[in-house]
Amino acid sequence: MVFNWNKFKEILIHRKGLGILGFSDISASVITSVFWFYIASVMQPEEYGEIFYFIAIISIAFTFSSIGTQNSIIVLTAKEKNLQSTFNFISLLAGVACSLLLIIIFYQVDIILLLFGYIMNTLSLSYLIGKRLYSKYSIFLLAQKVLTLVLGLSFFYLYGAEGILLALGLSYLGFLVIIIKSFRESPINFHGFKNNLTFILHNYSMKAIGTFKEHIDKLILVPLIGFSFLGNYALAIQFISVLSISNTFLSKYLLTNDSRNISNKNLKKFYFLINVCIGISAAIMLPVIVPFFFPQFTDIGILGIMCLAIIPTSITMLKHSEFLGNENSRPTVLGAIIATTVMICGMLILVPEIGIIGAAITYLSTYSSQACFLVIYSKFFDTKKFHKL
């Protein structure tokens, strides 16, 4: 048997990359969670809910601005298509347009700064992952999260809750280094962008619909039941984010490999089984434990319902990676549309009738419907038979 050094080297690179992504994304999520949990412990639910209300607005504006979505940049960079400067130019230009609209409505500079922070974050980190520059990715990601903690707490105690959005915006300024460097290293390539426009637009549509789905619930909840209930709902989502830490790094790792036709079947099975155990355990235990630490959040019992969404979310992530790795973004867009429809209808119908419990049921139903659609699609349609989008 002849020893294949190149294959062995590739295996080492994959394992090292997964390790670095895992360490950096888990560490980043822990730092972010510590910050938001601490802020929740010293705030009233109304203030906490108001912050996430504005973050939801900024996130939606960011999605419409960010033509260069994470998935598009990772896949096309992994396939060595030199479009980073083009993504940067178009996304930043769209960000200027959205910022003008936001400044007219809210007259707040901190919102604009955070909007561009989100754009630079996605453009920079996605590029580093696509190039498999995992060490640089880790450095920039963790530096931003440490700044979030340091600046966030400092501005909170200096200026109150109003200073948090400004602190978050300032924490992203370090990504300017990557943005400027990419403009210097590669020319803007509109021809290459046009050749991949269908795939880019499908990913953009999927991201826009997905982000709208993730944040429209917060915009609907405020006029229906107020900032206080939104604060409880937002805190529940923070716990779910912590329990879904593996999604953060594993989705990027799997997408990079699926784009190169590298199979990870055993890893995917193990990941799903772990998420099933986490979802069920959290649904049972957290509603009992959490009230001892956050007594002012009186409706946190919704965690018993919402934590189960971890299971369908893991299925959705795995299916997204498979479809997008083959540049087949159509089913992911359709799944996002279905989920968004369920979210809006559920919020408008159930919340007025049964309050925040209706919001929790809608949250679980939204992610379950998306996962079910993608599983059915992948079972009855072989993506390899479709033309790549």
Protein backbone atom coordinates (compact mmCIF):
# COMPACT_ATOMS: atom_id res chain seq x y z
CA MET A 1 0.00 0.00 0.00
CA VAL A 2 1.48 3.34 -1.07
CA PHE A 3 1.28 6.15 1.46
CA ASN A 4 -0.59 9.13 0.00
CA TRP A 5 1.08 12.15 1.56
CA ASN A 6 -1.18 14.68 -0.18
CA LYS A 7 -4.32 12.97 1.13
CA PHE A 8 -2.85 12.78 4.63
CA LYS A 9 -1.93 16.47 4.47
CA GLU A 10 -5.46 17.34 3.35
CA ILE A 11 -6.93 15.42 6.30
CA LEU A 12 -4.67 17.33 8.71
CA ILE A 13 -5.76 20.64 7.18
CA HIS A 14 -9.44 19.72 7.54
CA ARG A 15 -9.05 18.68 11.18
CA LYS A 16 -6.97 21.72 12.04
CA GLY A 17 -9.49 23.98 10.29
CA LEU A 18 -12.41 22.44 12.15
CA GLY A 19 -10.53 22.79 15.42
CA ILE A 20 -9.72 26.46 14.88
CA LEU A 21 -13.24 27.27 13.69
CA GLY A 22 -14.70 25.38 16.62
CA PHE A 23 -12.49 27.07 19.20
CA SER A 24 -12.91 30.58 17.80
CA ASP A 25 -16.66 30.41 17.20
CA ILE A 26 -17.39 28.76 20.54
CA SER A 27 -15.20 31.29 22.34
CA ALA A 28 -16.84 34.14 20.45
CA SER A 29 -20.31 32.86 21.30
CA VAL A 30 -19.37 32.48 24.96
CA ILE A 31 -18.04 36.05 25.13
CA THR A 32 -21.13 37.42 23.40
CA SER A 33 -23.44 35.41 25.65
CA VAL A 34 -21.66 36.54 28.80
CA PHE A 35 -22.14 40.14 27.69
CA TRP A 36 -25.85 39.82 26.88
CA PHE A 37 -26.64 37.71 29.93
CA TYR A 38 -24.91 40.22 32.19
CA ILE A 39 -26.73 43.10 30.52
CA ALA A 40 -30.01 41.23 31.05
CA SER A 41 -29.21 40.79 34.75
CA VAL A 42 -28.82 44.56 35.31
CA MET A 43 -31.63 45.73 33.01
CA GLN A 44 -35.39 45.64 33.07
CA PRO A 45 -37.09 43.53 30.37
CA GLU A 46 -38.42 46.71 28.71
CA GLU A 47 -34.91 48.12 28.14
CA TYR A 48 -33.57 44.76 27.01
CA GLY A 49 -36.43 44.39 24.56
CA GLU A 50 -35.92 47.89 23.16
CA ILE A 51 -32.25 47.19 22.37
CA PHE A 52 -33.16 44.04 20.45
CA TYR A 53 -35.93 45.91 18.68
CA PHE A 54 -33.34 48.29 17.19
CA ILE A 55 -30.94 45.42 16.48
CA ALA A 56 -33.73 43.73 14.52
CA ILE A 57 -34.23 46.87 12.42
CA ILE A 58 -30.48 47.17 11.78
CA SER A 59 -30.23 43.48 10.89
CA ILE A 60 -32.95 43.77 8.28
CA ALA A 61 -31.28 46.86 6.80
CA PHE A 62 -27.95 45.00 6.82
CA THR A 63 -29.44 42.08 4.92
CA PHE A 64 -30.75 44.30 2.14
CA SER A 65 -27.33 46.01 1.99
CA SER A 66 -25.16 42.91 2.04
CA ILE A 67 -25.20 41.67 -1.55
CA GLY A 68 -22.13 39.60 -0.65
CA THR A 69 -23.77 37.08 1.65
CA GLN A 70 -21.69 34.73 3.78
CA ASN A 71 -22.63 31.65 1.74
CA SER A 72 -21.95 33.28 -1.64
CA ILE A 73 -18.53 34.54 -0.58
CA ILE A 74 -17.49 31.25 1.05
CA VAL A 75 -18.54 29.11 -1.94
CA LEU A 76 -17.16 31.37 -4.67
CA THR A 77 -13.93 32.07 -2.79
CA ALA A 78 -13.46 28.34 -2.15
CA LYS A 79 -13.89 27.79 -5.88
CA GLU A 80 -11.18 30.46 -6.46
CA LYS A 81 -13.44 32.95 -8.22
CA ASN A 82 -11.89 36.35 -7.53
CA LEU A 83 -14.93 38.46 -6.62
CA GLN A 84 -14.16 39.78 -3.14
CA SER A 85 -13.53 43.40 -4.18
CA THR A 86 -16.71 43.36 -6.23
CA PHE A 87 -18.73 42.07 -3.27
CA ASN A 88 -17.16 44.73 -1.06
CA PHE A 89 -17.88 47.58 -3.47
CA ILE A 90 -21.54 46.66 -4.14
CA SER A 91 -22.36 45.84 -0.51
CA LEU A 92 -20.82 49.03 0.88
CA LEU A 93 -22.57 51.10 -1.79
CA ALA A 94 -25.91 49.50 -0.88
CA GLY A 95 -25.09 50.16 2.79
CA VAL A 96 -24.78 53.88 2.05
CA ALA A 97 -28.26 53.86 0.49
CA CYS A 98 -29.79 52.03 3.47
CA SER A 99 -27.99 54.27 5.97
CA LEU A 100 -29.52 57.38 4.38
CA LEU A 101 -32.97 55.92 4.93
CA LEU A 102 -32.24 54.96 8.53
CA ILE A 103 -30.76 58.33 9.45
CA ILE A 104 -33.88 60.06 8.09
CA ILE A 105 -36.17 57.86 10.19
CA PHE A 106 -34.21 57.60 13.46
CA TYR A 107 -31.62 60.43 13.47
CA GLN A 108 -29.14 58.11 15.26
CA VAL A 109 -25.48 57.77 14.22
CA ASP A 110 -24.99 54.61 16.31
CA ILE A 111 -27.46 52.72 14.11
CA ILE A 112 -25.54 53.64 10.96
CA LEU A 113 -22.20 52.66 12.49
CA LEU A 114 -23.55 49.27 13.55
CA LEU A 115 -25.03 48.71 10.09
CA PHE A 116 -21.62 49.14 8.43
CA GLY A 117 -20.07 47.02 11.18
CA TYR A 118 -22.35 44.14 10.25
CA ILE A 119 -21.52 44.55 6.55
CA MET A 120 -17.75 44.59 7.08
CA ASN A 121 -17.96 41.63 9.48
CA THR A 122 -19.72 39.41 6.94
CA LEU A 123 -17.55 40.44 3.99
CA SER A 124 -14.28 39.94 5.88
CA LEU A 125 -14.91 36.74 7.83
CA SER A 126 -16.58 34.95 4.90
CA TYR A 127 -13.58 35.74 2.70
CA LEU A 128 -11.14 34.37 5.29
CA ILE A 129 -13.15 31.14 5.62
CA GLY A 130 -13.39 30.68 1.85
CA LYS A 131 -9.59 31.04 1.66
CA ARG A 132 -9.26 28.66 4.63
CA LEU A 133 -7.28 31.32 6.53
CA TYR A 134 -8.67 29.97 9.77
CA SER A 135 -6.05 31.47 12.08
CA LYS A 136 -6.66 35.01 10.79
CA TYR A 137 -10.38 34.37 11.02
CA SER A 138 -9.98 33.42 14.68
CA ILE A 139 -7.90 36.50 15.50
CA PHE A 140 -10.28 39.00 13.92
CA LEU A 141 -13.41 37.32 15.26
CA LEU A 142 -12.20 37.07 18.86
CA ALA A 143 -10.78 40.61 18.83
CA GLN A 144 -14.20 41.94 17.83
CA LYS A 145 -15.96 39.94 20.56
CA VAL A 146 -13.53 41.12 23.24
CA LEU A 147 -14.17 44.69 22.11
CA THR A 148 -17.90 44.01 22.34
CA LEU A 149 -17.49 43.01 25.97
CA VAL A 150 -15.09 45.81 26.95
CA LEU A 151 -16.71 48.65 25.03
CA GLY A 152 -20.23 47.40 25.68
CA LEU A 153 -19.87 47.37 29.46
CA SER A 154 -17.90 50.63 29.49
CA PHE A 155 -20.46 52.50 27.40
CA PHE A 156 -23.33 50.98 29.37
CA TYR A 157 -22.03 52.33 32.67
CA LEU A 158 -21.04 55.67 31.09
CA TYR A 159 -24.13 56.36 28.99
CA GLY A 160 -26.72 53.77 30.03
CA ALA A 161 -28.62 51.47 27.67
CA GLU A 162 -28.36 54.08 24.89
CA GLY A 163 -24.59 53.56 24.65
CA ILE A 164 -24.71 49.85 23.83
CA LEU A 165 -25.49 50.17 20.12
CA LEU A 166 -22.65 52.68 19.67
CA ALA A 167 -20.23 50.34 21.45
CA LEU A 168 -21.28 47.43 19.22
CA GLY A 169 -20.69 49.52 16.10
CA LEU A 170 -17.21 50.59 17.20
CA SER A 171 -16.22 46.98 17.92
CA TYR A 172 -16.31 46.16 14.18
CA LEU A 173 -13.90 48.86 12.97
CA GLY A 174 -10.95 46.43 12.90
CA PHE A 175 -12.44 44.71 9.84
CA LEU A 176 -11.55 47.77 7.78
CA VAL A 177 -8.05 46.27 7.50
CA ILE A 178 -9.35 43.27 5.54
CA ILE A 179 -11.69 45.36 3.40
CA ILE A 180 -8.92 47.78 2.38
CA LYS A 181 -6.46 44.95 1.74
CA SER A 182 -8.89 43.10 -0.51
CA PHE A 183 -9.44 46.22 -2.63
CA ARG A 184 -5.65 46.50 -3.07
CA GLU A 185 -5.10 42.85 -3.94
CA SER A 186 -7.83 42.30 -6.52
CA PRO A 187 -9.64 44.46 -9.07
CA ILE A 188 -13.38 44.92 -9.19
CA ASN A 189 -14.68 42.25 -11.57
CA PHE A 190 -18.22 42.97 -12.73
CA HIS A 191 -17.94 40.41 -15.54
CA GLY A 192 -17.23 37.58 -13.10
CA PHE A 193 -19.98 38.87 -10.82
CA LYS A 194 -22.44 38.77 -13.74
CA ASN A 195 -21.46 35.19 -14.63
CA ASN A 196 -22.38 34.07 -11.11
CA LEU A 197 -25.30 36.45 -10.71
CA THR A 198 -28.04 33.81 -10.50
CA PHE A 199 -26.31 31.94 -7.69
CA ILE A 200 -25.52 35.23 -5.90
CA LEU A 201 -29.09 36.51 -6.20
CA HIS A 202 -30.56 33.25 -4.94
CA ASN A 203 -28.26 33.36 -1.91
CA TYR A 204 -29.07 37.02 -1.42
CA SER A 205 -32.78 36.26 -1.59
CA MET A 206 -32.39 33.38 0.84
CA LYS A 207 -30.42 35.54 3.28
CA ALA A 208 -32.86 38.44 3.00
CA ILE A 209 -35.86 36.20 3.57
CA GLY A 210 -34.09 34.30 6.36
CA THR A 211 -33.07 37.45 8.23
CA PHE A 212 -36.54 38.92 7.74
CA LYS A 213 -37.89 35.70 9.26
CA GLU A 214 -35.47 35.88 12.19
CA HIS A 215 -36.28 39.49 13.07
CA ILE A 216 -39.82 40.24 11.90
CA ASP A 217 -41.11 38.47 15.01
CA LYS A 218 -39.53 41.17 17.20
CA LEU A 219 -41.03 43.95 15.10
CA ILE A 220 -44.48 42.34 15.31
CA LEU A 221 -44.32 41.59 19.04
CA VAL A 222 -43.73 45.20 20.14
CA PRO A 223 -47.06 46.67 18.94
CA LEU A 224 -48.95 43.54 20.01
CA ILE A 225 -47.60 42.89 23.53
CA GLY A 226 -44.88 45.50 24.19
CA PHE A 227 -41.15 45.75 24.94
CA SER A 228 -41.37 43.82 28.22
CA PHE A 229 -42.57 40.62 26.57
CA LEU A 230 -40.06 41.14 23.77
CA GLY A 231 -37.33 41.28 26.44
CA ASN A 232 -38.38 37.84 27.73
CA TYR A 233 -38.55 36.48 24.19
CA ALA A 234 -35.12 37.94 23.28
CA LEU A 235 -33.53 36.44 26.41
CA ALA A 236 -34.95 33.02 25.49
CA ILE A 237 -33.38 33.35 22.03
CA GLN A 238 -30.03 34.15 23.69
CA PHE A 239 -30.14 30.80 25.51
CA ILE A 240 -30.99 29.03 22.27
CA SER A 241 -28.04 30.75 20.58
CA VAL A 242 -25.70 29.40 23.27
CA LEU A 243 -27.08 25.89 22.86
CA SER A 244 -26.64 26.17 19.07
CA ILE A 245 -23.00 27.23 19.21
CA SER A 246 -21.93 24.28 17.08
CA ASN A 247 -24.05 25.64 14.19
CA THR A 248 -21.88 28.74 14.05
CA PHE A 249 -18.61 27.07 13.13
CA LEU A 250 -19.77 23.72 11.73
CA SER A 251 -21.96 25.32 9.05
CA LYS A 252 -18.97 27.27 7.71
CA TYR A 253 -16.68 24.24 7.85
CA LEU A 254 -19.17 21.91 6.13
CA LEU A 255 -20.04 24.47 3.45
CA THR A 256 -16.38 24.95 2.59
CA ASN A 257 -15.92 21.17 2.25
CA ASP A 258 -19.22 20.52 0.46
CA SER A 259 -18.16 23.16 -2.07
CA ARG A 260 -15.05 21.03 -2.71
CA ASN A 261 -17.08 17.76 -2.83
CA ILE A 262 -15.57 16.53 0.44
CA SER A 263 -17.96 14.24 2.33
CA ASN A 264 -18.47 14.48 6.10
CA LYS A 265 -21.27 11.93 6.65
CA ASN A 266 -20.18 10.66 10.06
CA LEU A 267 -19.63 14.17 11.37
CA LYS A 268 -23.10 15.20 10.17
CA LYS A 269 -24.78 12.23 11.87
CA PHE A 270 -22.96 12.86 15.13
CA TYR A 271 -23.85 16.56 15.01
CA PHE A 272 -27.55 15.84 14.52
CA LEU A 273 -27.74 13.32 17.37
CA ILE A 274 -26.01 15.74 19.74
CA ASN A 275 -28.50 18.47 18.86
CA VAL A 276 -31.45 16.16 19.51
CA CYS A 277 -30.11 15.46 23.00
CA ILE A 278 -29.38 19.13 23.66
CA GLY A 279 -32.81 20.30 22.48
CA ILE A 280 -34.79 17.82 24.59
CA SER A 281 -32.63 18.27 27.70
CA ALA A 282 -32.77 22.08 27.49
CA ALA A 283 -36.56 22.07 27.02
CA ILE A 284 -36.92 20.15 30.27
CA MET A 285 -34.27 21.80 32.45
CA LEU A 286 -33.96 25.48 31.47
CA PRO A 287 -37.51 26.61 32.39
CA VAL A 288 -36.76 25.41 35.92
CA ILE A 289 -33.22 26.78 36.28
CA VAL A 290 -33.26 30.14 34.46
CA PRO A 291 -35.81 31.98 36.71
CA PHE A 292 -33.37 31.73 39.65
CA PHE A 293 -30.84 33.87 37.75
CA PHE A 294 -33.20 36.27 35.98
CA PRO A 295 -36.16 36.76 38.34
CA GLN A 296 -37.27 39.98 36.61
CA PHE A 297 -37.93 38.04 33.40
CA THR A 298 -41.21 36.45 34.47
CA ASP A 299 -42.17 34.72 31.18
CA ILE A 300 -38.98 32.78 30.53
CA GLY A 301 -40.94 29.51 30.79
CA ILE A 302 -41.36 29.74 27.00
CA LEU A 303 -37.92 28.13 26.80
CA GLY A 304 -39.63 24.75 27.23
CA ILE A 305 -41.16 25.19 23.77
CA MET A 306 -38.54 27.26 21.99
CA CYS A 307 -35.53 25.06 22.84
CA LEU A 308 -36.99 22.23 20.76
CA ALA A 309 -36.32 24.38 17.69
CA ILE A 310 -32.65 23.41 18.05
CA ILE A 311 -33.48 20.06 16.42
CA PRO A 312 -35.05 21.32 13.15
CA THR A 313 -32.48 24.11 12.99
CA SER A 314 -29.67 21.54 12.85
CA ILE A 315 -31.44 19.73 10.01
CA THR A 316 -31.82 22.98 8.10
CA MET A 317 -28.13 23.80 8.48
CA LEU A 318 -27.06 20.40 7.13
CA LYS A 319 -29.38 20.62 4.13
CA HIS A 320 -28.31 24.19 3.36
CA SER A 321 -24.68 23.09 3.27
CA GLU A 322 -25.45 20.24 0.85
CA PHE A 323 -27.55 22.35 -1.51
CA LEU A 324 -25.29 25.40 -1.53
CA GLY A 325 -22.15 23.29 -1.90
CA ASN A 326 -23.61 22.20 -5.24
CA GLU A 327 -24.51 25.82 -6.05
CA ASN A 328 -28.19 24.82 -5.92
CA SER A 329 -29.76 27.59 -3.88
CA ARG A 330 -33.37 27.23 -5.08
CA PRO A 331 -34.61 24.88 -2.31
CA THR A 332 -33.00 27.04 0.38
CA VAL A 333 -34.86 30.09 -0.93
CA LEU A 334 -38.16 28.22 -1.04
CA GLY A 335 -37.61 26.89 2.47
CA ALA A 336 -36.91 30.38 3.76
CA ILE A 337 -40.10 31.70 2.13
CA ILE A 338 -42.16 28.95 3.76
CA ALA A 339 -40.61 29.61 7.16
CA THR A 340 -41.16 33.37 6.88
CA THR A 341 -44.81 32.84 5.96
CA VAL A 342 -45.30 30.59 8.97
CA MET A 343 -43.56 33.14 11.23
CA ILE A 344 -45.69 36.10 10.13
CA CYS A 345 -49.00 34.20 10.15
CA GLY A 346 -48.26 32.57 13.49
CA MET A 347 -47.33 35.85 15.17
CA LEU A 348 -50.38 37.67 13.84
CA ILE A 349 -52.82 34.86 14.68
CA LEU A 350 -51.50 33.23 17.88
CA VAL A 351 -49.94 36.15 19.78
CA PRO A 352 -53.16 38.21 20.04
CA GLU A 353 -54.96 35.09 21.28
CA ILE A 354 -52.50 33.49 23.74
CA GLY A 355 -49.74 36.08 24.14
CA ILE A 356 -46.09 35.17 24.42
CA ILE A 357 -46.87 31.43 24.46
CA GLY A 358 -48.18 31.92 20.93
CA ALA A 359 -44.86 33.52 20.01
CA ALA A 360 -42.99 30.49 21.36
CA ILE A 361 -45.20 28.06 19.43
CA THR A 362 -44.73 30.12 16.27
CA TYR A 363 -40.95 30.11 16.76
CA LEU A 364 -40.86 26.30 16.93
CA SER A 365 -43.30 25.90 14.03
CA THR A 366 -41.26 28.25 11.82
CA TYR A 367 -38.04 26.27 12.02
CA SER A 368 -39.83 22.91 11.90
CA SER A 369 -41.64 23.80 8.67
CA GLN A 370 -38.38 24.87 7.03
CA ALA A 371 -36.59 21.67 8.02
CA CYS A 372 -39.48 19.47 6.86
CA PHE A 373 -39.55 21.11 3.45
CA LEU A 374 -35.80 20.69 2.90
CA VAL A 375 -35.88 17.02 3.95
CA ILE A 376 -38.78 16.30 1.59
CA TYR A 377 -37.08 18.20 -1.24
CA SER A 378 -33.79 16.34 -0.82
CA LYS A 379 -35.58 12.97 -0.65
CA PHE A 380 -37.64 13.32 -3.79
CA PHE A 381 -35.29 15.47 -5.90
CA ASP A 382 -31.68 14.61 -6.65
CA THR A 383 -29.90 17.98 -6.65
CA LYS A 384 -27.24 16.63 -9.03
CA LYS A 385 -29.87 16.35 -11.72
CA PHE A 386 -30.54 20.05 -11.57
CA HIS A 387 -28.45 22.57 -13.40
CA LYS A 388 -26.30 24.47 -10.97
CA LEU A 389 -27.76 27.87 -10.31
